[in-house]
C-alpha atoms as a PDB file:
ATOM      1  CA  MET A   1     -19.388 -40.998  37.755  1.00  0.00           C
ATOM      2  CA  SER A   2     -18.791 -43.861  35.789  1.00  0.00           C
ATOM      3  CA  LYS A   3     -20.179 -42.263  32.773  1.00  0.00           C
ATOM      4  CA  HIS A   4     -18.513 -39.855  33.142  1.00  0.00           C
ATOM      5  CA  ARG A   5     -14.885 -41.924  32.247  1.00  0.00           C
ATOM      6  CA  GLN A   6     -16.234 -43.905  30.085  1.00  0.00           C
ATOM      7  CA  THR A   7     -17.500 -40.542  27.747  1.00  0.00           C
ATOM      8  CA  GLU A   8     -14.054 -38.843  28.625  1.00  0.00           C
ATOM      9  CA  GLN A   9     -12.342 -41.889  27.724  1.00  0.00           C
ATOM     10  CA  VAL A  10     -14.450 -43.005  24.446  1.00  0.00           C
ATOM     11  CA  ARG A  11     -13.329 -38.553  23.664  1.00  0.00           C
ATOM     12  CA  THR A  12     -10.274 -38.462  24.535  1.00  0.00           C
ATOM     13  CA  ALA A  13      -8.169 -41.888  24.580  1.00  0.00           C
ATOM     14  CA  PRO A  14      -5.588 -43.189  22.515  1.00  0.00           C
ATOM     15  CA  GLY A  15      -6.831 -46.382  21.507  1.00  0.00           C
ATOM     16  CA  PHE A  16      -9.518 -48.046  19.371  1.00  0.00           C
ATOM     17  CA  ILE A  17     -12.761 -49.688  20.439  1.00  0.00           C
ATOM     18  CA  ALA A  18     -12.075 -53.839  19.472  1.00  0.00           C
ATOM     19  CA  ALA A  19     -15.755 -55.091  17.031  1.00  0.00           C
ATOM     20  CA  LEU A  20     -16.683 -58.177  18.910  1.00  0.00           C
ATOM     21  CA  ASP A  21     -19.994 -58.613  17.833  1.00  0.00           C
ATOM     22  CA  GLN A  22     -20.438 -60.967  15.284  1.00  0.00           C
ATOM     23  CA  SER A  23     -23.432 -62.680  15.118  1.00  0.00           C
ATOM     24  CA  GLY A  24     -25.847 -65.545  14.394  1.00  0.00           C
ATOM     25  CA  GLY A  25     -24.816 -64.950  10.157  1.00  0.00           C
ATOM     26  CA  SER A  26     -20.731 -63.552  10.838  1.00  0.00           C
ATOM     27  CA  THR A  27     -20.181 -65.659  13.722  1.00  0.00           C
ATOM     28  CA  PRO A  28     -19.953 -69.608  12.024  1.00  0.00           C
ATOM     29  CA  LYS A  29     -16.901 -67.760   9.596  1.00  0.00           C
ATOM     30  CA  ALA A  30     -15.464 -66.228  11.664  1.00  0.00           C
ATOM     31  CA  LEU A  31     -15.330 -69.678  13.713  1.00  0.00           C
ATOM     32  CA  ARG A  32     -13.813 -71.308  10.918  1.00  0.00           C
ATOM     33  CA  LEU A  33     -11.441 -67.861  11.166  1.00  0.00           C
ATOM     34  CA  TYR A  34     -10.421 -69.253  14.700  1.00  0.00           C
ATOM     35  CA  GLY A  35     -10.170 -72.687  13.743  1.00  0.00           C
ATOM     36  CA  ILE A  36     -12.794 -74.181  14.228  1.00  0.00           C
ATOM     37  CA  GLU A  37     -15.112 -76.013  11.479  1.00  0.00           C
ATOM     38  CA  GLU A  38     -18.919 -76.354  11.139  1.00  0.00           C
ATOM     39  CA  ASP A  39     -18.668 -80.212  11.725  1.00  0.00           C
ATOM     40  CA  GLN A  40     -17.156 -79.435  15.021  1.00  0.00           C
ATOM     41  CA  TYR A  41     -20.646 -78.083  16.045  1.00  0.00           C
ATOM     42  CA  ASP A  42     -24.341 -79.542  16.465  1.00  0.00           C
ATOM     43  CA  SER A  43     -26.295 -76.776  17.820  1.00  0.00           C
ATOM     44  CA  GLU A  44     -26.403 -72.823  17.037  1.00  0.00           C
ATOM     45  CA  GLU A  45     -26.183 -73.547  21.140  1.00  0.00           C
ATOM     46  CA  GLN A  46     -22.552 -74.802  20.576  1.00  0.00           C
ATOM     47  CA  MET A  47     -21.773 -72.663  17.550  1.00  0.00           C
ATOM     48  CA  PHE A  48     -22.247 -69.695  20.770  1.00  0.00           C
ATOM     49  CA  ASP A  49     -20.515 -71.013  23.149  1.00  0.00           C
ATOM     50  CA  LEU A  50     -17.172 -71.138  21.283  1.00  0.00           C
ATOM     51  CA  ILE A  51     -17.395 -68.570  19.733  1.00  0.00           C
ATOM     52  CA  HIS A  52     -18.446 -66.659  23.382  1.00  0.00           C
ATOM     53  CA  GLU A  53     -15.523 -68.705  24.462  1.00  0.00           C
ATOM     54  CA  MET A  54     -13.798 -66.941  21.770  1.00  0.00           C
ATOM     55  CA  ARG A  55     -14.380 -62.711  22.853  1.00  0.00           C
ATOM     56  CA  SER A  56     -14.005 -64.094  26.971  1.00  0.00           C
ATOM     57  CA  ARG A  57      -9.917 -65.800  25.640  1.00  0.00           C
ATOM     58  CA  ILE A  58      -9.138 -62.245  24.072  1.00  0.00           C
ATOM     59  CA  ALA A  59     -10.926 -60.078  26.673  1.00  0.00           C
ATOM     60  CA  ARG A  60      -8.824 -61.984  28.913  1.00  0.00           C
ATOM     61  CA  ALA A  61      -5.410 -61.615  27.724  1.00  0.00           C
ATOM     62  CA  PRO A  62      -3.010 -59.306  29.648  1.00  0.00           C
ATOM     63  CA  ALA A  63      -3.551 -56.510  25.852  1.00  0.00           C
ATOM     64  CA  PHE A  64      -6.910 -56.452  26.163  1.00  0.00           C
ATOM     65  CA  THR A  65      -7.151 -53.320  28.683  1.00  0.00           C
ATOM     66  CA  GLY A  66      -7.975 -50.212  28.727  1.00  0.00           C
ATOM     67  CA  ASP A  67      -4.345 -48.481  27.680  1.00  0.00           C
ATOM     68  CA  LYS A  68      -4.561 -49.738  23.791  1.00  0.00           C
ATOM     69  CA  VAL A  69      -8.557 -50.502  24.040  1.00  0.00           C
ATOM     70  CA  ILE A  70     -10.414 -48.004  25.365  1.00  0.00           C
ATOM     71  CA  GLY A  71     -14.172 -49.780  24.080  1.00  0.00           C
ATOM     72  CA  ALA A  72     -15.576 -53.338  23.009  1.00  0.00           C
ATOM     73  CA  ILE A  73     -19.001 -53.834  20.810  1.00  0.00           C
ATOM     74  CA  LEU A  74     -20.484 -56.579  22.352  1.00  0.00           C
ATOM     75  CA  PHE A  75     -23.104 -59.357  20.616  1.00  0.00           C
ATOM     76  CA  GLU A  76     -26.570 -58.957  22.340  1.00  0.00           C
ATOM     77  CA  MET A  77     -26.390 -63.090  23.590  1.00  0.00           C
ATOM     78  CA  THR A  78     -22.788 -61.802  24.639  1.00  0.00           C
ATOM     79  CA  MET A  79     -24.178 -58.767  26.794  1.00  0.00           C
ATOM     80  CA  ASP A  80     -26.531 -61.989  27.880  1.00  0.00           C
ATOM     81  CA  ARG A  81     -23.207 -64.486  29.842  1.00  0.00           C
ATOM     82  CA  GLN A  82     -20.399 -63.774  32.111  1.00  0.00           C
ATOM     83  CA  ILE A  83     -16.559 -63.753  31.707  1.00  0.00           C
ATOM     84  CA  ASP A  84     -14.926 -64.921  34.681  1.00  0.00           C
ATOM     85  CA  GLY A  85     -18.162 -64.804  36.979  1.00  0.00           C
ATOM     86  CA  LYS A  86     -18.961 -61.277  35.887  1.00  0.00           C
ATOM     87  CA  PRO A  87     -20.975 -60.143  32.885  1.00  0.00           C
ATOM     88  CA  SER A  88     -19.635 -59.512  30.832  1.00  0.00           C
ATOM     89  CA  ALA A  89     -20.391 -55.358  30.339  1.00  0.00           C
ATOM     90  CA  THR A  90     -18.977 -55.376  33.901  1.00  0.00           C
ATOM     91  CA  TYR A  91     -16.592 -57.790  33.728  1.00  0.00           C
ATOM     92  CA  LEU A  92     -15.090 -54.927  30.938  1.00  0.00           C
ATOM     93  CA  TRP A  93     -15.490 -52.247  32.360  1.00  0.00           C
ATOM     94  CA  GLU A  94     -13.421 -53.013  36.045  1.00  0.00           C
ATOM     95  CA  ASP A  95     -11.003 -55.832  35.558  1.00  0.00           C
ATOM     96  CA  ARG A  96      -9.899 -54.220  32.072  1.00  0.00           C
ATOM     97  CA  GLY A  97     -11.347 -50.803  31.900  1.00  0.00           C
ATOM     98  CA  VAL A  98     -12.937 -50.836  28.610  1.00  0.00           C
ATOM     99  CA  VAL A  99     -15.422 -48.977  27.179  1.00  0.00           C
ATOM    100  CA  PRO A 100     -18.806 -51.960  26.576  1.00  0.00           C
ATOM    101  CA  PHE A 101     -21.207 -50.930  24.009  1.00  0.00           C
ATOM    102  CA  LEU A 102     -24.052 -53.179  21.934  1.00  0.00           C
ATOM    103  CA  LYS A 103     -25.127 -54.736  19.107  1.00  0.00           C
ATOM    104  CA  VAL A 104     -28.558 -53.272  18.886  1.00  0.00           C
ATOM    105  CA  ASP A 105     -29.073 -54.410  14.787  1.00  0.00           C
ATOM    106  CA  LYS A 106     -31.629 -57.200  13.167  1.00  0.00           C
ATOM    107  CA  GLY A 107     -29.474 -57.170  10.294  1.00  0.00           C
ATOM    108  CA  LEU A 108     -30.358 -56.046   6.751  1.00  0.00           C
ATOM    109  CA  ALA A 109     -32.965 -55.293   4.493  1.00  0.00           C
ATOM    110  CA  ASP A 110     -32.125 -56.628   0.786  1.00  0.00           C
ATOM    111  CA  GLU A 111     -30.861 -54.277  -1.502  1.00  0.00           C
ATOM    112  CA  ARG A 112     -32.982 -51.456  -2.275  1.00  0.00           C
ATOM    113  CA  ASP A 113     -30.988 -47.820  -4.199  1.00  0.00           C
ATOM    114  CA  GLY A 114     -28.075 -49.067  -3.925  1.00  0.00           C
ATOM    115  CA  VAL A 115     -28.151 -49.844   0.418  1.00  0.00           C
ATOM    116  CA  GLN A 116     -29.644 -52.237   2.257  1.00  0.00           C
ATOM    117  CA  LEU A 117     -30.903 -50.756   5.410  1.00  0.00           C
ATOM    118  CA  MET A 118     -31.661 -52.420   9.001  1.00  0.00           C
ATOM    119  CA  LYS A 119     -34.169 -54.369   9.036  1.00  0.00           C
ATOM    120  CA  PRO A 120     -37.879 -53.907  11.551  1.00  0.00           C
ATOM    121  CA  MET A 121     -36.139 -54.010  15.466  1.00  0.00           C
ATOM    122  CA  PRO A 122     -39.486 -54.243  16.936  1.00  0.00           C
ATOM    123  CA  ASP A 123     -38.412 -54.956  20.978  1.00  0.00           C
ATOM    124  CA  LEU A 124     -35.944 -52.325  20.256  1.00  0.00           C
ATOM    125  CA  ASP A 125     -36.634 -49.853  23.591  1.00  0.00           C
ATOM    126  CA  ALA A 126     -37.171 -53.149  25.734  1.00  0.00           C
ATOM    127  CA  LEU A 127     -33.073 -54.575  24.980  1.00  0.00           C
ATOM    128  CA  LEU A 128     -32.471 -50.314  25.293  1.00  0.00           C
ATOM    129  CA  ALA A 129     -33.590 -51.293  28.567  1.00  0.00           C
ATOM    130  CA  ARG A 130     -31.692 -54.137  29.910  1.00  0.00           C
ATOM    131  CA  ALA A 131     -28.321 -52.850  27.715  1.00  0.00           C
ATOM    132  CA  VAL A 132     -28.381 -49.748  30.443  1.00  0.00           C
ATOM    133  CA  GLN A 133     -30.034 -52.251  33.327  1.00  0.00           C
ATOM    134  CA  ALA A 134     -26.348 -54.371  31.676  1.00  0.00           C
ATOM    135  CA  GLY A 135     -23.636 -51.089  32.200  1.00  0.00           C
ATOM    136  CA  ILE A 136     -23.701 -50.408  29.107  1.00  0.00           C
ATOM    137  CA  PHE A 137     -22.109 -47.709  27.840  1.00  0.00           C
ATOM    138  CA  GLY A 138     -23.605 -47.630  23.491  1.00  0.00           C
ATOM    139  CA  THR A 139     -24.994 -49.145  20.876  1.00  0.00           C
ATOM    140  CA  LYS A 140     -24.099 -50.224  16.985  1.00  0.00           C
ATOM    141  CA  MET A 141     -25.695 -50.347  14.656  1.00  0.00           C
ATOM    142  CA  ARG A 142     -24.585 -51.591  10.740  1.00  0.00           C
ATOM    143  CA  SER A 143     -26.435 -50.692   6.988  1.00  0.00           C
ATOM    144  CA  VAL A 144     -24.781 -51.359   3.534  1.00  0.00           C
ATOM    145  CA  ILE A 145     -24.210 -48.955   1.124  1.00  0.00           C
ATOM    146  CA  ASN A 146     -23.135 -50.378  -2.327  1.00  0.00           C
ATOM    147  CA  ALA A 147     -23.387 -47.735  -5.330  1.00  0.00           C
ATOM    148  CA  ALA A 148     -23.193 -43.835  -4.787  1.00  0.00           C
ATOM    149  CA  ASP A 149     -27.378 -43.606  -5.419  1.00  0.00           C
ATOM    150  CA  PRO A 150     -28.617 -40.467  -3.652  1.00  0.00           C
ATOM    151  CA  ALA A 151     -31.689 -41.360  -2.466  1.00  0.00           C
ATOM    152  CA  GLY A 152     -30.805 -44.570  -0.896  1.00  0.00           C
ATOM    153  CA  ILE A 153     -27.581 -42.859   0.462  1.00  0.00           C
ATOM    154  CA  LYS A 154     -30.227 -40.222   1.911  1.00  0.00           C
ATOM    155  CA  ALA A 155     -32.468 -42.897   3.127  1.00  0.00           C
ATOM    156  CA  VAL A 156     -29.395 -45.211   5.233  1.00  0.00           C
ATOM    157  CA  VAL A 157     -28.324 -41.632   7.147  1.00  0.00           C
ATOM    158  CA  ALA A 158     -32.111 -41.025   7.757  1.00  0.00           C
ATOM    159  CA  GLN A 159     -32.452 -44.500   8.875  1.00  0.00           C
ATOM    160  CA  GLN A 160     -29.576 -44.759  11.204  1.00  0.00           C
ATOM    161  CA  PHE A 161     -30.778 -40.766  13.353  1.00  0.00           C
ATOM    162  CA  GLU A 162     -34.115 -41.753  13.573  1.00  0.00           C
ATOM    163  CA  ILE A 163     -33.446 -44.908  15.306  1.00  0.00           C
ATOM    164  CA  GLY A 164     -30.559 -43.135  16.942  1.00  0.00           C
ATOM    165  CA  ARG A 165     -33.253 -40.045  18.279  1.00  0.00           C
ATOM    166  CA  GLN A 166     -34.512 -43.547  19.547  1.00  0.00           C
ATOM    167  CA  ILE A 167     -31.004 -44.382  21.628  1.00  0.00           C
ATOM    168  CA  LEU A 168     -29.855 -41.133  23.047  1.00  0.00           C
ATOM    169  CA  ALA A 169     -33.203 -41.377  24.726  1.00  0.00           C
ATOM    170  CA  HIS A 170     -32.554 -43.820  26.977  1.00  0.00           C
ATOM    171  CA  GLY A 171     -29.246 -42.298  27.488  1.00  0.00           C
ATOM    172  CA  LEU A 172     -26.583 -44.781  25.593  1.00  0.00           C
ATOM    173  CA  VAL A 173     -24.510 -43.164  22.501  1.00  0.00           C
ATOM    174  CA  PRO A 174     -25.210 -44.903  19.413  1.00  0.00           C
ATOM    175  CA  ILE A 175     -22.096 -45.599  17.161  1.00  0.00           C
ATOM    176  CA  ILE A 176     -24.037 -44.265  13.222  1.00  0.00           C
ATOM    177  CA  GLU A 177     -22.424 -46.974  11.067  1.00  0.00           C
ATOM    178  CA  PRO A 178     -23.623 -46.340   7.858  1.00  0.00           C
ATOM    179  CA  GLU A 179     -21.219 -49.169   5.825  1.00  0.00           C
ATOM    180  CA  VAL A 180     -19.475 -47.800   1.991  1.00  0.00           C
ATOM    181  CA  THR A 181     -18.104 -51.039   0.486  1.00  0.00           C
ATOM    182  CA  ILE A 182     -15.121 -51.073  -0.187  1.00  0.00           C
ATOM    183  CA  SER A 183     -14.759 -52.553  -3.557  1.00  0.00           C
ATOM    184  CA  ILE A 184     -17.815 -51.354  -5.561  1.00  0.00           C
ATOM    185  CA  PRO A 185     -16.542 -48.646  -8.902  1.00  0.00           C
ATOM    186  CA  ASP A 186     -18.238 -46.012  -7.265  1.00  0.00           C
ATOM    187  CA  LYS A 187     -16.876 -45.812  -3.669  1.00  0.00           C
ATOM    188  CA  ALA A 188     -15.489 -43.256  -4.173  1.00  0.00           C
ATOM    189  CA  ALA A 189     -18.229 -40.844  -4.904  1.00  0.00           C
ATOM    190  CA  ALA A 190     -20.734 -42.726  -2.306  1.00  0.00           C
ATOM    191  CA  GLU A 191     -18.537 -41.468   0.861  1.00  0.00           C
ATOM    192  CA  THR A 192     -18.802 -37.842  -0.035  1.00  0.00           C
ATOM    193  CA  LEU A 193     -22.184 -38.102  -0.331  1.00  0.00           C
ATOM    194  CA  LEU A 194     -22.690 -40.478   2.683  1.00  0.00           C
ATOM    195  CA  ARG A 195     -20.483 -37.071   4.619  1.00  0.00           C
ATOM    196  CA  ASP A 196     -22.890 -34.687   3.160  1.00  0.00           C
ATOM    197  CA  ALA A 197     -25.827 -35.941   4.148  1.00  0.00           C
ATOM    198  CA  LEU A 198     -23.951 -37.469   7.511  1.00  0.00           C
ATOM    199  CA  ALA A 199     -23.090 -33.603   8.520  1.00  0.00           C
ATOM    200  CA  ALA A 200     -26.771 -32.706   7.758  1.00  0.00           C
ATOM    201  CA  HIS A 201     -28.409 -34.682   9.725  1.00  0.00           C
ATOM    202  CA  LEU A 202     -25.584 -34.346  13.270  1.00  0.00           C
ATOM    203  CA  ASP A 203     -26.455 -29.989  12.190  1.00  0.00           C
ATOM    204  CA  ALA A 204     -30.971 -31.046  13.012  1.00  0.00           C
ATOM    205  CA  LEU A 205     -29.547 -32.593  16.339  1.00  0.00           C
ATOM    206  CA  PRO A 206     -30.290 -31.338  19.467  1.00  0.00           C
ATOM    207  CA  GLU A 207     -27.495 -29.338  21.280  1.00  0.00           C
ATOM    208  CA  ASP A 208     -27.064 -32.210  23.492  1.00  0.00           C
ATOM    209  CA  CYS A 209     -26.137 -34.779  21.870  1.00  0.00           C
ATOM    210  CA  GLN A 210     -23.586 -36.362  20.563  1.00  0.00           C
ATOM    211  CA  VAL A 211     -23.567 -40.068  18.415  1.00  0.00           C
ATOM    212  CA  MET A 212     -20.792 -41.692  17.192  1.00  0.00           C
ATOM    213  CA  LEU A 213     -19.773 -42.172  13.435  1.00  0.00           C
ATOM    214  CA  LYS A 214     -18.214 -45.787  12.551  1.00  0.00           C
ATOM    215  CA  LEU A 215     -17.179 -44.991   8.864  1.00  0.00           C
ATOM    216  CA  THR A 216     -15.251 -47.180   5.809  1.00  0.00           C
ATOM    217  CA  LEU A 217     -11.823 -46.177   5.687  1.00  0.00           C
ATOM    218  CA  PRO A 218     -12.415 -43.677   3.055  1.00  0.00           C
ATOM    219  CA  GLU A 219     -10.832 -43.439  -0.934  1.00  0.00           C
ATOM    220  CA  THR A 220      -9.809 -39.320   0.119  1.00  0.00           C
ATOM    221  CA  ASP A 221      -7.757 -39.020   2.777  1.00  0.00           C
ATOM    222  CA  ASN A 222      -9.014 -36.983   5.771  1.00  0.00           C
ATOM    223  CA  LEU A 223     -12.632 -37.171   3.595  1.00  0.00           C
ATOM    224  CA  TYR A 224     -14.572 -37.094   7.264  1.00  0.00           C
ATOM    225  CA  ALA A 225     -13.083 -34.067   8.940  1.00  0.00           C
ATOM    226  CA  PRO A 226     -15.870 -31.422   9.294  1.00  0.00           C
ATOM    227  CA  LEU A 227     -16.942 -34.555  10.709  1.00  0.00           C
ATOM    228  CA  ILE A 228     -14.603 -34.992  12.992  1.00  0.00           C
ATOM    229  CA  ALA A 229     -15.102 -31.829  14.148  1.00  0.00           C
ATOM    230  CA  HIS A 230     -18.128 -32.176  14.500  1.00  0.00           C
ATOM    231  CA  PRO A 231     -19.838 -30.399  18.279  1.00  0.00           C
ATOM    232  CA  ARG A 232     -22.442 -33.301  17.952  1.00  0.00           C
ATOM    233  CA  VAL A 233     -19.947 -36.334  17.563  1.00  0.00           C
ATOM    234  CA  LEU A 234     -18.355 -37.737  20.128  1.00  0.00           C
ATOM    235  CA  ARG A 235     -16.037 -39.897  17.893  1.00  0.00           C
ATOM    236  CA  VAL A 236     -15.743 -41.418  14.412  1.00  0.00           C
ATOM    237  CA  VAL A 237     -14.686 -45.026  13.688  1.00  0.00           C
ATOM    238  CA  ALA A 238     -13.316 -46.689  11.489  1.00  0.00           C
ATOM    239  CA  LEU A 239     -14.304 -50.239  10.002  1.00  0.00           C
ATOM    240  CA  SER A 240     -11.694 -52.286   8.867  1.00  0.00           C
ATOM    241  CA  GLY A 241     -14.361 -53.063   6.029  1.00  0.00           C
ATOM    242  CA  GLY A 242     -12.599 -56.076   4.706  1.00  0.00           C
ATOM    243  CA  TYR A 243      -9.646 -54.726   4.353  1.00  0.00           C
ATOM    244  CA  SER A 244      -6.175 -57.218   5.899  1.00  0.00           C
ATOM    245  CA  ARG A 245      -5.316 -54.995   8.724  1.00  0.00           C
ATOM    246  CA  ASP A 246      -1.632 -54.373   6.997  1.00  0.00           C
ATOM    247  CA  GLU A 247      -4.224 -52.395   5.192  1.00  0.00           C
ATOM    248  CA  ALA A 248      -6.243 -51.211   7.004  1.00  0.00           C
ATOM    249  CA  ASN A 249      -3.781 -49.287   9.372  1.00  0.00           C
ATOM    250  CA  ALA A 250      -2.054 -48.418   6.550  1.00  0.00           C
ATOM    251  CA  ARG A 251      -4.977 -46.282   6.043  1.00  0.00           C
ATOM    252  CA  LEU A 252      -6.774 -45.120   9.026  1.00  0.00           C
ATOM    253  CA  ALA A 253      -3.077 -43.233  10.048  1.00  0.00           C
ATOM    254  CA  ARG A 254      -3.190 -41.753   6.916  1.00  0.00           C
ATOM    255  CA  ASN A 255      -6.575 -40.340   8.749  1.00  0.00           C
ATOM    256  CA  THR A 256      -6.062 -37.440  10.991  1.00  0.00           C
ATOM    257  CA  GLY A 257      -8.945 -37.661  14.156  1.00  0.00           C
ATOM    258  CA  MET A 258      -9.605 -41.977  13.038  1.00  0.00           C
ATOM    259  CA  ILE A 259      -9.528 -44.646  15.425  1.00  0.00           C
ATOM    260  CA  ALA A 260     -10.060 -47.882  14.220  1.00  0.00           C
ATOM    261  CA  SER A 261     -13.028 -50.569  14.557  1.00  0.00           C
ATOM    262  CA  PHE A 262     -11.236 -53.250  13.815  1.00  0.00           C
ATOM    263  CA  SER A 263     -13.323 -56.657  13.786  1.00  0.00           C
ATOM    264  CA  ARG A 264     -11.522 -59.354  11.812  1.00  0.00           C
ATOM    265  CA  ALA A 265      -8.297 -57.599  10.967  1.00  0.00           C
ATOM    266  CA  LEU A 266      -8.441 -57.356  14.816  1.00  0.00           C
ATOM    267  CA  THR A 267      -8.484 -61.364  15.130  1.00  0.00           C
ATOM    268  CA  GLU A 268      -6.315 -62.164  12.561  1.00  0.00           C
ATOM    269  CA  GLY A 269      -4.409 -64.382  12.983  1.00  0.00           C
ATOM    270  CA  LEU A 270      -5.886 -65.798  16.158  1.00  0.00           C
ATOM    271  CA  SER A 271      -6.534 -69.864  16.722  1.00  0.00           C
ATOM    272  CA  ALA A 272      -8.268 -72.230  18.843  1.00  0.00           C
ATOM    273  CA  GLN A 273      -5.548 -74.219  18.608  1.00  0.00           C
ATOM    274  CA  GLN A 274      -2.948 -71.637  20.369  1.00  0.00           C
ATOM    275  CA  SER A 275      -0.851 -72.254  23.174  1.00  0.00           C
ATOM    276  CA  ASP A 276      -2.062 -69.239  25.074  1.00  0.00           C
ATOM    277  CA  ALA A 277       1.453 -67.765  25.341  1.00  0.00           C
ATOM    278  CA  GLU A 278       1.105 -68.184  21.833  1.00  0.00           C
ATOM    279  CA  PHE A 279      -3.360 -66.324  21.347  1.00  0.00           C
ATOM    280  CA  ASN A 280      -2.069 -63.345  24.013  1.00  0.00           C
ATOM    281  CA  ASP A 281       1.095 -63.098  22.036  1.00  0.00           C
ATOM    282  CA  THR A 282      -0.835 -62.278  18.443  1.00  0.00           C
ATOM    283  CA  ILE A 283      -3.063 -60.532  20.366  1.00  0.00           C
ATOM    284  CA  ALA A 284      -0.857 -58.287  21.935  1.00  0.00           C
ATOM    285  CA  ALA A 285       0.368 -57.992  18.494  1.00  0.00           C
ATOM    286  CA  SER A 286      -2.651 -57.451  16.781  1.00  0.00           C
ATOM    287  CA  ILE A 287      -3.578 -54.243  19.425  1.00  0.00           C
ATOM    288  CA  ASP A 288      -0.426 -52.632  19.685  1.00  0.00           C
ATOM    289  CA  SER A 289      -0.212 -52.915  15.509  1.00  0.00           C
ATOM    290  CA  ILE A 290      -3.621 -50.734  15.730  1.00  0.00           C
ATOM    291  CA  HIS A 291      -3.618 -48.938  18.756  1.00  0.00           C
ATOM    292  CA  ARG A 292      -0.058 -47.592  16.663  1.00  0.00           C
ATOM    293  CA  ALA A 293      -2.273 -46.762  13.489  1.00  0.00           C
ATOM    294  CA  SER A 294      -5.041 -44.641  15.888  1.00  0.00           C
ATOM    295  CA  VAL A 295      -2.838 -42.940  17.674  1.00  0.00           C
ATOM    296  CA  GLN A 296      -1.050 -41.930  14.341  1.00  0.00           C
ATOM    297  CA  GLY A 297      -4.107 -41.512  12.518  1.00  0.00           C
END
């Protein structure tokens, strides 16, 4: 029954999905923004201990509940660790009412045809089996689009859906994330090509399959409306992509039917040096503003 309840929450609940999935490459930056410099830890193990402490602090915050945060994307090491003595995914769902997702990609390949595909994932089936056992609802995987190159964008979307079908076979819901870089000069053209490529692959999915999409906030408001309405799409979420929280919220509120799945924009203003009261007040204000933009959109 929990899978059905989770599906309905993801499909219809007013709120957003928190992205707490910084991986090895992005963890030092995330810690630095949190007020922990690289000279404050001596090893990768210590680094991951510190980022887990940050994520746990966020998850325990009084405002971090399913009332406004309907889901959270976890890094693999977070899934494998505990929060307050419970496996992280179990804690999120049972104690906070937040649906757990898992980041499964292993980073980006070198750029070709204006895009970066995902690196090979030879151990994906084993990871997905572990995720099912851990109570994970769905997954997330990221590619990057740096130019409006038709061949490159088709390759990104084809890879995303190929791996998405592998994830669906394990009973998990894939979040397909072909991120369009916000600073490229042909961003609007790239987004139109992406929308059309995604629609073609969605049309080819079996009727009993649904995926989610995580997309850069578009230059043209409501560009992705046909994808939001597509019967094979459970929900469309937006990444902040480097926009400030205020800018991301403003853009999101103009796109009907999209909800947030922010990472850096969610944690903006948090600091390891804050008292628990200051930390909880800051994350509550962030959650309120992102929730408001998600509901307005």
